[in-house]
């Protein structure tokens, strides 16, 4: 995913959170910091979410073990729920728990099949 497409996807999801009464911010330098940092932090009075965002034209997307490890580490320290939010072109946002991603030798796989079978839609995540 290009940096421009990734930033656009992050801003899109940030806006959706705000439109649904959740506070949400994009974290600067996620993926380029020496400290773990998710793409988005979202929350309300009850819950906090640490979100790694992906958008793809394909029906699958690989995430590095480092990306997922840092997401989980940050979420544990911050007291947030870790989620991978992925939008396949012309489809909904799906939220997949890191434990539901398929582990490969060097990466984790988020596929449209996994998203539809184990993922949650935005409305399901916020309710």
Protein backbone atom coordinates (compact mmCIF):
# COMPACT_ATOMS: atom_id res chain seq x y z
CA UNK A 1 0.00 0.00 0.00
CA UNK A 2 1.39 3.38 -0.90
CA UNK A 3 1.96 5.95 1.82
CA UNK A 4 -0.68 8.20 0.21
CA UNK A 5 -3.27 5.40 0.03
CA UNK A 6 -2.46 4.37 3.59
CA UNK A 7 -2.82 7.91 4.93
CA UNK A 8 -6.09 8.36 3.05
CA UNK A 9 -7.45 5.10 4.52
CA UNK A 10 -6.39 6.16 8.04
CA UNK A 11 -8.10 9.56 7.65
CA UNK A 12 -11.24 7.88 6.29
CA UNK A 13 -11.50 5.53 9.26
CA UNK A 14 -10.67 8.34 11.70
CA UNK A 15 -13.59 10.34 10.30
CA UNK A 16 -15.95 7.35 10.61
CA UNK A 17 -15.04 6.94 14.28
CA UNK A 18 -15.75 10.63 14.98
CA UNK A 19 -19.05 10.46 13.05
CA UNK A 20 -20.10 7.65 15.39
CA UNK A 21 -19.30 9.43 18.64
CA UNK A 22 -15.82 7.99 19.24
CA UNK A 23 -12.71 10.09 19.71
CA UNK A 24 -9.98 9.06 17.29
CA UNK A 25 -6.51 10.26 16.41
CA UNK A 26 -3.85 9.22 13.96
CA UNK A 27 -0.47 8.58 15.50
CA UNK A 28 2.48 10.32 13.95
CA UNK A 29 5.21 8.12 12.61
CA UNK A 30 3.53 4.77 13.11
CA UNK A 31 5.80 2.20 11.52
CA UNK A 32 8.80 4.55 11.60
CA UNK A 33 9.19 5.11 15.33
CA UNK A 34 11.55 3.22 17.60
CA UNK A 35 8.55 2.67 19.89
CA UNK A 36 5.42 0.68 19.08
CA UNK A 37 2.67 2.89 17.67
CA UNK A 38 -0.60 1.88 16.00
CA UNK A 39 -2.02 3.87 13.09
CA UNK A 40 -5.08 4.98 15.06
CA UNK A 41 -6.16 5.27 18.66
CA UNK A 42 -9.92 5.33 19.12
CA UNK A 43 -11.99 5.37 22.25
CA UNK A 44 -15.04 6.37 24.19
CA UNK A 45 -15.82 6.43 27.91
CA UNK A 46 -15.81 2.63 28.02
CA UNK A 47 -13.31 1.24 25.51
CA UNK A 48 -9.97 1.99 23.85
CA UNK A 49 -8.87 0.54 20.52
CA UNK A 50 -5.38 0.42 19.01
CA UNK A 51 -5.83 0.00 15.26
CA UNK A 52 -3.45 -0.94 12.48
CA UNK A 53 -5.06 0.19 9.18
CA UNK A 54 -4.67 -1.41 5.78
CA UNK A 55 -6.35 -0.82 2.44
CA UNK A 56 -5.76 -3.03 -0.57
CA UNK A 57 -6.97 -3.72 -4.10
CA UNK A 58 -6.14 -7.39 -3.62
CA UNK A 59 -8.15 -10.04 -1.76
CA UNK A 60 -5.29 -10.51 0.69
CA UNK A 61 -2.75 -8.41 2.54
CA UNK A 62 0.40 -9.50 4.34
CA UNK A 63 1.44 -7.78 7.55
CA UNK A 64 4.87 -8.24 9.05
CA UNK A 65 5.29 -10.06 12.32
CA UNK A 66 6.92 -6.87 13.60
CA UNK A 67 3.82 -4.78 12.76
CA UNK A 68 1.52 -7.16 14.60
CA UNK A 69 3.93 -7.63 17.50
CA UNK A 70 4.18 -3.87 17.99
CA UNK A 71 0.40 -3.47 17.78
CA UNK A 72 -0.09 -6.09 20.50
CA UNK A 73 2.70 -4.65 22.64
CA UNK A 74 1.31 -1.12 22.45
CA UNK A 75 -2.23 -2.31 23.19
CA UNK A 76 -1.07 -4.22 26.28
CA UNK A 77 0.86 -1.26 27.69
CA UNK A 78 -1.87 1.25 26.86
CA UNK A 79 -4.77 -0.93 27.99
CA UNK A 80 -6.41 -1.03 24.57
CA UNK A 81 -7.88 -3.72 22.35
CA UNK A 82 -5.62 -4.49 19.36
CA UNK A 83 -7.35 -4.59 15.96
CA UNK A 84 -6.30 -4.76 12.33
CA UNK A 85 -8.76 -2.72 10.26
CA UNK A 86 -8.69 -3.60 6.59
CA UNK A 87 -10.69 -2.34 3.66
CA UNK A 88 -10.64 -4.31 0.45
CA UNK A 89 -11.46 -2.10 -2.55
CA UNK A 90 -15.17 -1.42 -2.94
CA UNK A 91 -15.95 -3.26 0.29
CA UNK A 92 -16.57 -2.47 3.96
CA UNK A 93 -14.05 -1.94 6.70
CA UNK A 94 -13.40 -5.20 8.54
CA UNK A 95 -11.79 -5.43 11.97
CA UNK A 96 -9.77 -8.56 12.57
CA UNK A 97 -8.29 -9.59 15.91
CA UNK A 98 -4.56 -10.31 15.56
CA UNK A 99 -5.19 -13.84 16.82
CA UNK A 100 -7.48 -14.48 13.84
CA UNK A 101 -4.84 -13.59 11.24
CA UNK A 102 -3.20 -16.52 9.48
CA UNK A 103 0.43 -16.90 10.48
CA UNK A 104 2.89 -17.72 7.69
CA UNK A 105 6.64 -18.24 7.93
CA UNK A 106 7.53 -14.55 7.99
CA UNK A 107 4.23 -12.67 8.09
CA UNK A 108 0.58 -12.65 8.98
CA UNK A 109 -2.11 -12.85 6.33
CA UNK A 110 -5.34 -10.88 6.35
CA UNK A 111 -7.60 -12.11 3.55
CA UNK A 112 -11.10 -11.25 2.45
CA UNK A 113 -12.13 -14.78 3.45
CA UNK A 114 -10.72 -14.35 6.97
CA UNK A 115 -12.33 -10.91 7.23
CA UNK A 116 -15.77 -12.20 6.24
CA UNK A 117 -15.54 -15.32 8.44
CA UNK A 118 -13.84 -13.98 11.57
CA UNK A 119 -13.77 -10.21 11.24
CA UNK A 120 -16.27 -7.67 12.50
CA UNK A 121 -17.80 -4.79 10.60
CA UNK A 122 -17.29 -1.28 11.96
CA UNK A 123 -20.77 -1.19 13.50
CA UNK A 124 -20.10 -4.46 15.31
CA UNK A 125 -16.79 -3.25 16.74
CA UNK A 126 -18.22 -0.06 18.20
CA UNK A 127 -21.30 -1.71 19.76
